[in-house]
Amino acid sequence: MMRLNLLPWRERQRQAALRRFRGQLVGGALLALCAVMLVDQLARQRGHQQVLANTQRQATLDAQDEQLQPLAEVRAQHEALLARAVALEGLRAHQGVLAGVFADLEGALPEGVQLLDLSLDSGRLQMTGVAASGAVVAQFMRDLNRSSVLLDLELKRIKSLPDGDEFLLTARVAAFWS
């Protein structure tokens, strides 16, 4: 029987299998590289599209902000007008009160009393004046106590002077506390 040496054939088979494996390995690497490059290109394209879309949206928002700017100015003017209207309404509401205060002062002012100063601050009325005597001041206070507008009448000070008694009265104006 003949003896065949299969060693060279096996070596060639092994070499061919090794070449096929290396070829498949290089082909797979190239295919993976192409797939990665394709995915990268698609991601870059998608990112570029998003940047363009965001730029367009921002331009649209800027245009709308410019259109709304006059509306904001109108709103600010409206708020200022409302504040003025509220202030005027408050003045109108207290206008009758002040007229009532002056009417009550005129009705209660006896002969021999001269008012030198009237000041109204935060609903408190201060009256400074000169009277012929303390009795005239007491009469003035009794007459003011009958007033429906002046409440909590209080004599703060009375000082005797050669030409009469100087006094300081305070009262709360009713409408300012309601």
Protein backbone atom coordinates (compact mmCIF):
# COMPACT_ATOMS: atom_id res chain seq x y z
CA MET A 1 0.00 0.00 0.00
CA MET A 2 0.98 3.21 -0.83
CA ARG A 3 1.62 5.78 1.63
CA LEU A 4 0.29 9.18 0.89
CA ASN A 5 1.66 12.20 2.55
CA LEU A 6 -1.36 14.41 3.32
CA LEU A 7 0.59 16.89 5.29
CA PRO A 8 1.11 19.40 2.44
CA TRP A 9 -2.57 19.14 1.47
CA ARG A 10 -3.64 19.80 5.03
CA GLU A 11 -1.25 22.71 5.21
CA ARG A 12 -2.78 24.22 2.06
CA GLN A 13 -6.29 23.67 3.43
CA ARG A 14 -5.30 25.35 6.65
CA GLN A 15 -3.74 28.26 4.76
CA ALA A 16 -6.86 28.63 2.58
CA ALA A 17 -9.12 28.60 5.65
CA LEU A 18 -6.90 31.19 7.28
CA ARG A 19 -7.07 33.40 4.15
CA ARG A 20 -10.87 33.04 4.03
CA PHE A 21 -11.11 33.96 7.73
CA ARG A 22 -8.85 36.98 7.24
CA GLY A 23 -10.88 38.04 4.18
CA GLN A 24 -14.13 37.68 6.09
CA LEU A 25 -12.63 39.59 8.99
CA VAL A 26 -11.48 42.46 6.74
CA GLY A 27 -14.83 42.41 4.88
CA GLY A 28 -16.75 42.51 8.16
CA ALA A 29 -14.59 45.37 9.42
CA LEU A 30 -15.13 47.30 6.18
CA LEU A 31 -18.86 46.59 6.32
CA ALA A 32 -18.99 47.76 9.98
CA LEU A 33 -16.99 50.88 9.07
CA CYS A 34 -19.43 51.65 6.24
CA ALA A 35 -22.40 51.12 8.57
CA VAL A 36 -20.87 53.42 11.21
CA MET A 37 -20.14 56.08 8.59
CA LEU A 38 -23.70 55.80 7.24
CA VAL A 39 -25.22 56.12 10.74
CA ASP A 40 -22.89 59.06 11.47
CA GLN A 41 -23.89 60.78 8.23
CA LEU A 42 -27.59 60.26 9.01
CA ALA A 43 -27.13 61.61 12.55
CA ARG A 44 -25.26 64.67 11.25
CA GLN A 45 -27.96 65.27 8.65
CA ARG A 46 -30.68 64.96 11.29
CA GLY A 47 -28.81 67.36 13.60
CA HIS A 48 -28.40 69.85 10.76
CA GLN A 49 -32.14 69.63 10.02
CA GLN A 50 -32.93 70.25 13.68
CA VAL A 51 -30.61 73.27 13.77
CA LEU A 52 -32.34 74.68 10.68
CA ALA A 53 -35.79 74.02 12.17
CA ASN A 54 -34.77 75.65 15.48
CA THR A 55 -33.38 78.67 13.63
CA GLN A 56 -36.64 79.03 11.70
CA ARG A 57 -38.69 78.72 14.89
CA GLN A 58 -36.52 81.29 16.65
CA ALA A 59 -36.92 83.68 13.71
CA THR A 60 -40.69 83.18 13.86
CA LEU A 61 -40.69 83.80 17.62
CA ASP A 62 -38.60 86.95 17.20
CA ALA A 63 -41.02 88.23 14.55
CA GLN A 64 -43.98 87.53 16.84
CA ASP A 65 -42.21 89.24 19.75
CA GLU A 66 -41.76 92.31 17.58
CA GLN A 67 -45.46 92.18 16.70
CA LEU A 68 -46.39 91.85 20.39
CA GLN A 69 -44.15 94.73 21.52
CA PRO A 70 -46.82 97.39 20.77
CA LEU A 71 -49.33 95.24 22.65
CA ALA A 72 -47.07 95.22 25.72
CA GLU A 73 -46.78 99.00 25.51
CA VAL A 74 -50.57 99.28 25.24
CA ARG A 75 -50.95 97.01 28.28
CA ALA A 76 -48.52 99.14 30.28
CA GLN A 77 -50.42 102.28 29.29
CA HIS A 78 -53.68 100.55 30.21
CA GLU A 79 -52.31 99.63 33.66
CA ALA A 80 -51.15 103.22 34.17
CA LEU A 81 -54.58 104.52 33.18
CA LEU A 82 -56.28 102.06 35.54
CA ALA A 83 -54.04 103.23 38.38
CA ARG A 84 -54.92 106.83 37.59
CA ALA A 85 -58.61 105.96 37.44
CA VAL A 86 -58.41 104.26 40.85
CA ALA A 87 -56.61 107.28 42.30
CA LEU A 88 -59.20 109.65 40.83
CA GLU A 89 -62.01 107.47 42.13
CA GLY A 90 -60.47 107.62 45.60
CA LEU A 91 -60.22 111.39 45.38
CA ARG A 92 -63.82 111.63 44.22
CA ALA A 93 -64.95 109.39 47.07
CA HIS A 94 -63.15 111.56 49.63
CA GLN A 95 -64.24 114.79 47.96
CA GLY A 96 -67.63 114.58 49.64
CA VAL A 97 -65.99 113.70 52.95
CA LEU A 98 -63.78 116.78 52.85
CA ALA A 99 -66.77 118.93 52.00
CA GLY A 100 -68.56 117.36 54.99
CA VAL A 101 -65.56 118.08 57.23
CA PHE A 102 -65.52 121.74 56.21
CA ALA A 103 -69.30 122.01 56.60
CA ASP A 104 -69.11 120.51 60.11
CA LEU A 105 -66.22 122.81 61.03
CA GLU A 106 -68.11 125.83 59.77
CA GLY A 107 -71.25 124.84 61.69
CA ALA A 108 -69.37 124.11 64.92
CA LEU A 109 -67.02 127.11 64.87
CA PRO A 110 -68.25 129.47 67.63
CA GLU A 111 -67.54 133.15 67.82
CA GLY A 112 -64.16 133.78 69.41
CA VAL A 113 -62.36 130.80 67.79
CA GLN A 114 -59.90 131.28 64.95
CA LEU A 115 -58.40 128.24 63.19
CA LEU A 116 -54.78 128.76 62.21
CA ASP A 117 -53.90 125.41 60.65
CA LEU A 118 -55.75 122.33 59.37
CA SER A 119 -53.85 119.24 58.28
CA LEU A 120 -55.17 115.86 57.19
CA ASP A 121 -52.77 112.93 57.27
CA SER A 122 -53.81 109.27 56.96
CA GLY A 123 -57.36 109.99 58.04
CA ARG A 124 -56.32 112.09 61.09
CA LEU A 125 -57.33 115.76 61.10
CA GLN A 126 -55.25 118.16 63.20
CA MET A 127 -56.63 121.60 63.99
CA THR A 128 -54.53 124.35 65.50
CA GLY A 129 -56.22 127.56 66.55
CA VAL A 130 -56.66 130.38 69.02
CA ALA A 131 -59.76 130.84 71.22
CA ALA A 132 -60.84 133.63 73.53
CA SER A 133 -60.97 131.21 76.48
CA GLY A 134 -60.91 127.54 77.42
CA ALA A 135 -64.73 127.57 77.67
CA VAL A 136 -64.98 128.53 73.99
CA VAL A 137 -62.67 125.60 73.12
CA ALA A 138 -64.90 123.27 75.18
CA GLN A 139 -68.00 124.55 73.33
CA PHE A 140 -66.20 124.02 70.00
CA MET A 141 -65.37 120.43 70.98
CA ARG A 142 -68.99 119.71 72.05
CA ASP A 143 -70.25 121.02 68.71
CA LEU A 144 -67.68 118.93 66.81
CA ASN A 145 -68.68 115.80 68.76
CA ARG A 146 -72.11 116.03 67.11
CA SER A 147 -70.43 115.67 63.69
CA SER A 148 -70.99 112.43 61.80
CA VAL A 149 -67.72 112.79 59.90
CA LEU A 150 -65.30 113.60 62.74
CA LEU A 151 -64.79 110.84 65.31
CA ASP A 152 -62.56 110.38 68.38
CA LEU A 153 -62.10 114.10 69.00
CA GLU A 154 -59.18 114.70 71.35
CA LEU A 155 -57.65 117.84 72.83
CA LYS A 156 -53.90 117.39 72.57
CA ARG A 157 -52.73 120.72 73.93
CA ILE A 158 -54.06 124.03 75.24
CA LYS A 159 -51.70 126.87 76.04
CA SER A 160 -52.59 130.24 77.55
CA LEU A 161 -51.29 133.25 75.63
CA PRO A 162 -51.86 136.99 76.25
CA ASP A 163 -54.36 137.26 73.36
CA GLY A 164 -56.19 133.94 74.02
CA ASP A 165 -55.71 130.20 74.41
CA GLU A 166 -53.84 128.30 71.69
CA PHE A 167 -55.15 124.74 71.22
CA LEU A 168 -54.42 121.59 69.21
CA LEU A 169 -57.30 119.21 68.46
CA THR A 170 -57.12 115.88 66.61
CA ALA A 171 -59.95 113.82 65.19
CA ARG A 172 -60.33 110.76 63.02
CA VAL A 173 -62.15 111.34 59.74
CA ALA A 174 -64.71 108.53 59.46
CA ALA A 175 -64.69 107.90 55.70
CA PHE A 176 -60.93 107.35 55.53
CA TRP A 177 -61.19 104.26 57.75
CA SER A 178 -64.02 102.54 55.95
